[in-house]
């Protein structure tokens, strides 16, 4: 073991202990100073300021989730993939072509979803 190795880890352990103690202290102070006034209104589930309906179960169309997945896959991925591909076009051309294949797979997915009617709102 190199000399001075244990000293470096001692500082890390000490910093972690100080951090844990600081968080525990803040939680303890918050628990002691927080006001406690329970009421029926505070115990009620809260969603966007609207009191819950008598029947909390409602049917949601699966199309909302499909649109959300399409958004995540195609919009968010495009934001990060195109700049990444342009950087690698200059430095590593094989990586750029691999990214084109991946984008082709994404394009196949959107065409498949479109042909199946997943993007058609009824």
Protein backbone atom coordinates (compact mmCIF):
# COMPACT_ATOMS: atom_id res chain seq x y z
CA UNK A 1 0.00 0.00 0.00
CA UNK A 2 1.48 3.38 -0.94
CA UNK A 3 2.41 5.70 1.86
CA UNK A 4 -0.19 8.36 2.59
CA UNK A 5 -3.02 6.25 1.12
CA UNK A 6 -4.81 5.85 4.46
CA UNK A 7 -4.62 9.59 5.11
CA UNK A 8 -6.49 10.34 1.85
CA UNK A 9 -9.32 7.95 2.77
CA UNK A 10 -9.51 9.39 6.26
CA UNK A 11 -10.42 12.78 4.80
CA UNK A 12 -13.13 11.20 2.62
CA UNK A 13 -14.65 9.30 5.55
CA UNK A 14 -14.51 12.41 7.72
CA UNK A 15 -16.25 14.52 5.05
CA UNK A 16 -18.96 11.85 4.63
CA UNK A 17 -19.52 11.70 8.40
CA UNK A 18 -19.82 15.50 8.62
CA UNK A 19 -22.32 15.43 5.74
CA UNK A 20 -24.45 12.70 7.35
CA UNK A 21 -24.42 14.49 10.70
CA UNK A 22 -25.41 17.80 9.06
CA UNK A 23 -28.37 16.18 7.31
CA UNK A 24 -29.44 14.41 10.51
CA UNK A 25 -29.20 17.70 12.42
CA UNK A 26 -31.35 19.51 9.83
CA UNK A 27 -34.01 16.77 9.96
CA UNK A 28 -34.05 16.90 13.76
CA UNK A 29 -34.42 20.68 13.83
CA UNK A 30 -37.21 20.53 11.24
CA UNK A 31 -39.04 17.84 13.23
CA UNK A 32 -38.82 19.89 16.43
CA UNK A 33 -39.80 23.23 14.93
CA UNK A 34 -42.49 22.14 12.43
CA UNK A 35 -46.03 23.18 13.36
CA UNK A 36 -48.46 20.32 13.99
CA UNK A 37 -52.08 21.15 13.29
CA UNK A 38 -53.72 18.04 11.81
CA UNK A 39 -57.09 18.41 10.12
CA UNK A 40 -59.35 16.41 7.83
CA UNK A 41 -58.59 18.73 4.90
CA UNK A 42 -54.84 18.16 5.27
CA UNK A 43 -55.28 14.39 5.36
CA UNK A 44 -57.22 14.42 2.07
CA UNK A 45 -55.38 13.42 -1.14
CA UNK A 46 -54.46 16.48 -3.17
CA UNK A 47 -54.24 16.72 -6.96
CA UNK A 48 -53.90 20.10 -8.66
CA UNK A 49 -56.09 21.89 -6.12
CA UNK A 50 -59.17 19.85 -6.98
CA UNK A 51 -60.78 17.75 -4.24
CA UNK A 52 -61.02 14.11 -5.29
CA UNK A 53 -64.27 12.91 -6.83
CA UNK A 54 -66.38 10.31 -5.05
CA UNK A 55 -65.19 7.72 -7.58
CA UNK A 56 -61.40 8.04 -7.80
CA UNK A 57 -61.08 5.34 -10.48
CA UNK A 58 -61.42 6.74 -13.97
CA UNK A 59 -60.62 5.10 -17.25
CA UNK A 60 -57.85 6.74 -19.21
CA UNK A 61 -57.20 6.04 -22.83
CA UNK A 62 -53.99 4.14 -23.51
CA UNK A 63 -53.35 6.64 -26.32
CA UNK A 64 -52.09 9.18 -23.78
CA UNK A 65 -49.33 6.79 -22.82
CA UNK A 66 -48.53 5.92 -26.43
CA UNK A 67 -48.16 9.59 -27.30
CA UNK A 68 -45.96 10.11 -24.25
CA UNK A 69 -43.70 7.22 -25.24
CA UNK A 70 -43.48 8.48 -28.82
CA UNK A 71 -42.57 11.92 -27.51
CA UNK A 72 -39.83 10.56 -25.29
CA UNK A 73 -38.35 8.28 -27.90
CA UNK A 74 -38.41 10.56 -30.91
CA UNK A 75 -38.29 14.16 -29.67
CA UNK A 76 -35.97 13.89 -26.70
CA UNK A 77 -33.65 11.43 -28.45
CA UNK A 78 -33.40 13.71 -31.48
CA UNK A 79 -32.32 16.63 -29.30
CA UNK A 80 -29.33 14.68 -28.03
CA UNK A 81 -28.50 12.43 -30.99
CA UNK A 82 -28.02 14.93 -33.80
CA UNK A 83 -25.41 17.12 -32.03
CA UNK A 84 -23.63 13.97 -30.84
CA UNK A 85 -23.56 12.59 -34.38
CA UNK A 86 -22.17 15.84 -35.79
CA UNK A 87 -19.30 15.81 -33.29
CA UNK A 88 -18.39 12.24 -34.18
CA UNK A 89 -18.62 12.88 -37.94
CA UNK A 90 -15.37 14.86 -37.70
CA UNK A 91 -13.47 12.63 -35.27
CA UNK A 92 -14.76 9.07 -35.76
CA UNK A 93 -16.74 8.41 -38.97
CA UNK A 94 -17.65 4.77 -38.08
CA UNK A 95 -19.47 6.00 -34.97
CA UNK A 96 -21.41 8.46 -37.12
CA UNK A 97 -22.60 5.66 -39.41
CA UNK A 98 -23.59 3.52 -36.44
CA UNK A 99 -25.69 6.45 -35.23
CA UNK A 100 -27.34 6.67 -38.65
CA UNK A 101 -28.32 3.01 -38.30
CA UNK A 102 -29.78 3.72 -34.86
CA UNK A 103 -31.75 6.68 -36.22
CA UNK A 104 -32.97 4.38 -39.00
CA UNK A 105 -34.28 1.98 -36.35
CA UNK A 106 -36.08 4.88 -34.67
CA UNK A 107 -37.53 5.92 -38.03
CA UNK A 108 -38.74 2.35 -38.58
CA UNK A 109 -40.45 2.50 -35.16
CA UNK A 110 -42.33 5.70 -35.95
CA UNK A 111 -43.39 4.41 -39.38
CA UNK A 112 -44.56 1.16 -37.79
CA UNK A 113 -46.59 3.03 -35.17
CA UNK A 114 -48.04 5.29 -37.83
CA UNK A 115 -49.05 2.36 -40.05
CA UNK A 116 -50.65 0.53 -37.12
CA UNK A 117 -52.77 3.62 -36.39
CA UNK A 118 -51.24 4.36 -33.01
CA UNK A 119 -50.94 8.04 -33.90
CA UNK A 120 -54.54 8.37 -35.07
CA UNK A 121 -56.73 10.01 -32.43
CA UNK A 122 -60.28 8.63 -32.45
